[in-house]
Amino acid sequence: MHQITKREQQIIELIVKGLSTAEIGRKLFISEHTVFSHKQNLFKKLNVNNSVSLAMKSYINSLVDKNEVVQYYTATHYQGTGSKDMAI
């Protein structure tokens, strides 16, 4: 795995918390374009093509806590289904 920068780590953590590109930009005082660039770099480094896969691969590589990924995955995949069962 490629080296993850401190800023990329911040981006991962905020993605896993469910923040949008715009929200991440505001929180880190950077432009949406810069956030997008960081995300694209992370996608390449972790060999993924979307934020959900990024969250899961970040967990697998111990870049984030399992509970954060479960919360993110549940929020993005089970909205309105009433299902709360998920195993990682």
N, C-alpha and C. Protein backbone atom coordinates (compact mmCIF):
# COMPACT_ATOMS: atom_id res chain seq x y z
N MET A 1 0.85 -1.19 0.00
CA MET A 1 0.00 0.00 0.00
C MET A 1 0.89 1.24 0.00
N HIS A 2 0.45 2.24 -0.74
CA HIS A 2 1.17 3.50 -0.80
C HIS A 2 1.04 4.27 0.51
N GLN A 3 1.99 5.14 0.77
CA GLN A 3 1.97 5.98 1.97
C GLN A 3 0.79 6.96 1.92
N ILE A 4 0.05 7.05 3.01
CA ILE A 4 -1.07 7.98 3.13
C ILE A 4 -0.58 9.21 3.88
N THR A 5 -0.82 10.39 3.31
CA THR A 5 -0.39 11.63 3.96
C THR A 5 -1.31 11.97 5.14
N LYS A 6 -0.86 12.88 5.97
CA LYS A 6 -1.67 13.33 7.10
C LYS A 6 -2.99 13.92 6.61
N ARG A 7 -2.96 14.71 5.55
CA ARG A 7 -4.17 15.32 5.01
C ARG A 7 -5.10 14.25 4.44
N GLU A 8 -4.53 13.27 3.75
CA GLU A 8 -5.36 12.18 3.22
C GLU A 8 -6.01 11.40 4.36
N GLN A 9 -5.30 11.21 5.45
CA GLN A 9 -5.87 10.53 6.61
C GLN A 9 -7.06 11.33 7.15
N GLN A 10 -6.91 12.66 7.20
CA GLN A 10 -8.02 13.51 7.64
C GLN A 10 -9.23 13.35 6.72
N ILE A 11 -8.97 13.33 5.43
CA ILE A 11 -10.03 13.18 4.43
C ILE A 11 -10.75 11.84 4.64
N ILE A 12 -9.99 10.75 4.82
CA ILE A 12 -10.59 9.44 5.06
C ILE A 12 -11.50 9.49 6.28
N GLU A 13 -11.00 10.04 7.37
CA GLU A 13 -11.77 10.08 8.61
C GLU A 13 -13.09 10.85 8.44
N LEU A 14 -13.05 11.92 7.66
CA LEU A 14 -14.26 12.71 7.45
C LEU A 14 -15.22 12.03 6.48
N ILE A 15 -14.69 11.33 5.49
CA ILE A 15 -15.55 10.55 4.59
C ILE A 15 -16.27 9.47 5.40
N VAL A 16 -15.53 8.79 6.26
CA VAL A 16 -16.11 7.72 7.06
C VAL A 16 -17.17 8.27 8.02
N LYS A 17 -17.04 9.52 8.42
CA LYS A 17 -18.06 10.14 9.27
C LYS A 17 -19.26 10.61 8.46
N GLY A 18 -19.19 10.44 7.13
CA GLY A 18 -20.34 10.74 6.28
C GLY A 18 -20.38 12.14 5.71
N LEU A 19 -19.29 12.90 5.84
CA LEU A 19 -19.28 14.26 5.31
C LEU A 19 -19.15 14.26 3.79
N SER A 20 -19.80 15.21 3.16
CA SER A 20 -19.71 15.37 1.71
C SER A 20 -18.41 16.09 1.36
N THR A 21 -18.10 16.12 0.08
CA THR A 21 -16.92 16.84 -0.39
C THR A 21 -16.96 18.30 0.04
N ALA A 22 -18.11 18.94 -0.11
CA ALA A 22 -18.25 20.34 0.28
C ALA A 22 -18.06 20.52 1.78
N GLU A 23 -18.65 19.61 2.57
CA GLU A 23 -18.52 19.70 4.02
C GLU A 23 -17.08 19.49 4.47
N ILE A 24 -16.39 18.55 3.84
CA ILE A 24 -14.99 18.31 4.16
C ILE A 24 -14.17 19.57 3.85
N GLY A 25 -14.43 20.17 2.70
CA GLY A 25 -13.72 21.39 2.32
C GLY A 25 -13.90 22.49 3.35
N ARG A 26 -15.14 22.68 3.78
CA ARG A 26 -15.41 23.73 4.79
C ARG A 26 -14.72 23.40 6.11
N LYS A 27 -14.77 22.16 6.51
CA LYS A 27 -14.19 21.76 7.79
C LYS A 27 -12.66 21.93 7.79
N LEU A 28 -12.03 21.62 6.67
CA LEU A 28 -10.57 21.69 6.58
C LEU A 28 -10.05 22.99 5.97
N PHE A 29 -10.97 23.88 5.62
CA PHE A 29 -10.62 25.17 5.02
C PHE A 29 -9.84 25.00 3.72
N ILE A 30 -10.33 24.08 2.88
CA ILE A 30 -9.77 23.87 1.55
C ILE A 30 -10.91 23.83 0.55
N SER A 31 -10.60 23.99 -0.72
CA SER A 31 -11.65 24.01 -1.73
C SER A 31 -12.19 22.60 -2.00
N GLU A 32 -13.39 22.55 -2.56
CA GLU A 32 -13.98 21.26 -2.95
C GLU A 32 -13.08 20.57 -3.98
N HIS A 33 -12.49 21.35 -4.86
CA HIS A 33 -11.59 20.79 -5.87
C HIS A 33 -10.40 20.08 -5.21
N THR A 34 -9.86 20.69 -4.16
CA THR A 34 -8.74 20.08 -3.44
C THR A 34 -9.17 18.79 -2.75
N VAL A 35 -10.35 18.80 -2.15
CA VAL A 35 -10.89 17.59 -1.53
C VAL A 35 -11.05 16.50 -2.59
N PHE A 36 -11.62 16.87 -3.73
CA PHE A 36 -11.81 15.92 -4.83
C PHE A 36 -10.47 15.33 -5.26
N SER A 37 -9.45 16.17 -5.36
CA SER A 37 -8.11 15.69 -5.74
C SER A 37 -7.56 14.70 -4.72
N HIS A 38 -7.71 15.01 -3.45
CA HIS A 38 -7.27 14.10 -2.40
C HIS A 38 -8.02 12.77 -2.49
N LYS A 39 -9.33 12.84 -2.72
CA LYS A 39 -10.12 11.62 -2.84
C LYS A 39 -9.65 10.78 -4.02
N GLN A 40 -9.39 11.40 -5.15
CA GLN A 40 -8.92 10.67 -6.32
C GLN A 40 -7.57 10.01 -6.04
N ASN A 41 -6.68 10.72 -5.35
CA ASN A 41 -5.39 10.14 -4.98
C ASN A 41 -5.59 8.93 -4.05
N LEU A 42 -6.50 9.07 -3.10
CA LEU A 42 -6.79 7.96 -2.19
C LEU A 42 -7.38 6.77 -2.93
N PHE A 43 -8.28 7.03 -3.88
CA PHE A 43 -8.86 5.94 -4.66
C PHE A 43 -7.76 5.16 -5.37
N LYS A 44 -6.80 5.89 -5.95
CA LYS A 44 -5.68 5.23 -6.65
C LYS A 44 -4.80 4.47 -5.67
N LYS A 45 -4.45 5.11 -4.55
CA LYS A 45 -3.57 4.48 -3.58
C LYS A 45 -4.17 3.21 -2.98
N LEU A 46 -5.48 3.22 -2.75
CA LEU A 46 -6.14 2.08 -2.13
C LEU A 46 -6.82 1.17 -3.15
N ASN A 47 -6.70 1.53 -4.42
CA ASN A 47 -7.25 0.72 -5.52
C ASN A 47 -8.76 0.50 -5.35
N VAL A 48 -9.48 1.60 -5.18
CA VAL A 48 -10.94 1.58 -5.06
C VAL A 48 -11.51 2.64 -6.01
N ASN A 49 -12.85 2.62 -6.18
CA ASN A 49 -13.43 3.61 -7.09
C ASN A 49 -14.62 4.36 -6.50
N ASN A 50 -14.87 4.21 -5.18
CA ASN A 50 -15.95 4.98 -4.55
C ASN A 50 -15.69 5.11 -3.05
N SER A 51 -16.44 5.97 -2.41
CA SER A 51 -16.21 6.28 -1.00
C SER A 51 -16.53 5.11 -0.07
N VAL A 52 -17.53 4.31 -0.41
CA VAL A 52 -17.85 3.15 0.43
C VAL A 52 -16.69 2.16 0.41
N SER A 53 -16.17 1.89 -0.77
CA SER A 53 -15.01 0.99 -0.88
C SER A 53 -13.80 1.58 -0.18
N LEU A 54 -13.65 2.88 -0.26
CA LEU A 54 -12.56 3.57 0.43
C LEU A 54 -12.68 3.36 1.94
N ALA A 55 -13.89 3.51 2.47
CA ALA A 55 -14.11 3.30 3.90
C ALA A 55 -13.78 1.87 4.31
N MET A 56 -14.24 0.91 3.53
CA MET A 56 -13.99 -0.50 3.85
C MET A 56 -12.50 -0.84 3.77
N LYS A 57 -11.84 -0.38 2.72
CA LYS A 57 -10.41 -0.67 2.56
C LYS A 57 -9.60 0.04 3.64
N SER A 58 -10.06 1.21 4.06
CA SER A 58 -9.38 1.95 5.14
C SER A 58 -9.47 1.15 6.43
N TYR A 59 -10.59 0.52 6.66
CA TYR A 59 -10.74 -0.34 7.84
C TYR A 59 -9.82 -1.54 7.73
N ILE A 60 -9.83 -2.20 6.60
CA ILE A 60 -9.00 -3.39 6.39
C ILE A 60 -7.53 -3.07 6.63
N ASN A 61 -7.11 -1.89 6.22
CA ASN A 61 -5.72 -1.47 6.38
C ASN A 61 -5.47 -0.72 7.69
N SER A 62 -6.43 -0.80 8.60
CA SER A 62 -6.31 -0.19 9.94
C SER A 62 -6.09 1.32 9.90
N LEU A 63 -6.69 1.99 8.91
CA LEU A 63 -6.60 3.44 8.82
C LEU A 63 -7.72 4.12 9.59
N VAL A 64 -8.80 3.38 9.88
CA VAL A 64 -9.93 3.90 10.65
C VAL A 64 -10.46 2.80 11.57
N ASP A 65 -11.23 3.21 12.55
CA ASP A 65 -11.84 2.30 13.51
C ASP A 65 -13.02 1.56 12.89
N LYS A 66 -13.19 0.30 13.22
CA LYS A 66 -14.29 -0.52 12.69
C LYS A 66 -15.65 0.13 12.93
N ASN A 67 -15.88 0.67 14.12
CA ASN A 67 -17.19 1.26 14.44
C ASN A 67 -17.53 2.43 13.54
N GLU A 68 -16.53 3.21 13.16
CA GLU A 68 -16.79 4.33 12.25
C GLU A 68 -17.22 3.82 10.88
N VAL A 69 -16.59 2.76 10.41
CA VAL A 69 -16.94 2.20 9.11
C VAL A 69 -18.34 1.59 9.15
N VAL A 70 -18.67 0.88 10.23
CA VAL A 70 -20.00 0.28 10.36
C VAL A 70 -21.06 1.37 10.33
N GLN A 71 -20.84 2.46 11.06
CA GLN A 71 -21.80 3.56 11.06
C GLN A 71 -21.96 4.15 9.67
N TYR A 72 -20.84 4.36 8.95
CA TYR A 72 -20.90 4.93 7.61
C TYR A 72 -21.62 3.99 6.65
N TYR A 73 -21.22 2.72 6.67
CA TYR A 73 -21.80 1.74 5.75
C TYR A 73 -23.30 1.59 6.01
N THR A 74 -23.67 1.54 7.27
CA THR A 74 -25.08 1.41 7.63
C THR A 74 -25.87 2.63 7.15
N ALA A 75 -25.31 3.81 7.33
CA ALA A 75 -25.99 5.04 6.91
C ALA A 75 -26.14 5.12 5.40
N THR A 76 -25.16 4.62 4.65
CA THR A 76 -25.22 4.73 3.19
C THR A 76 -25.95 3.58 2.52
N HIS A 77 -26.08 2.44 3.18
CA HIS A 77 -26.68 1.27 2.54
C HIS A 77 -28.03 0.84 3.10
N TYR A 78 -28.33 1.24 4.31
CA TYR A 78 -29.55 0.74 4.93
C TYR A 78 -30.53 1.84 5.30
N GLN A 79 -30.41 3.00 4.69
CA GLN A 79 -31.34 4.09 4.97
C GLN A 79 -32.74 3.66 4.56
N GLY A 80 -33.64 3.70 5.52
CA GLY A 80 -35.05 3.44 5.22
C GLY A 80 -35.42 1.97 5.08
N THR A 81 -34.46 1.05 5.21
CA THR A 81 -34.80 -0.35 5.04
C THR A 81 -35.21 -1.00 6.34
N GLY A 82 -34.90 -0.35 7.45
CA GLY A 82 -35.22 -0.91 8.75
C GLY A 82 -34.23 -1.98 9.19
N SER A 83 -33.31 -2.35 8.34
CA SER A 83 -32.32 -3.38 8.67
C SER A 83 -31.15 -2.75 9.41
N LYS A 84 -30.82 -3.35 10.54
CA LYS A 84 -29.68 -2.86 11.30
C LYS A 84 -28.63 -3.95 11.45
N ASP A 85 -28.84 -5.10 10.83
CA ASP A 85 -27.90 -6.20 10.94
C ASP A 85 -26.80 -6.05 9.90
N MET A 86 -25.56 -6.08 10.39
CA MET A 86 -24.44 -6.01 9.49
C MET A 86 -23.22 -6.59 10.18
N ALA A 87 -22.50 -7.41 9.51
CA ALA A 87 -21.29 -7.98 10.10
C ALA A 87 -20.10 -7.61 9.25
N ILE A 88 -19.04 -7.26 9.92
CA ILE A 88 -17.76 -7.01 9.23
C ILE A 88 -16.75 -7.95 9.84
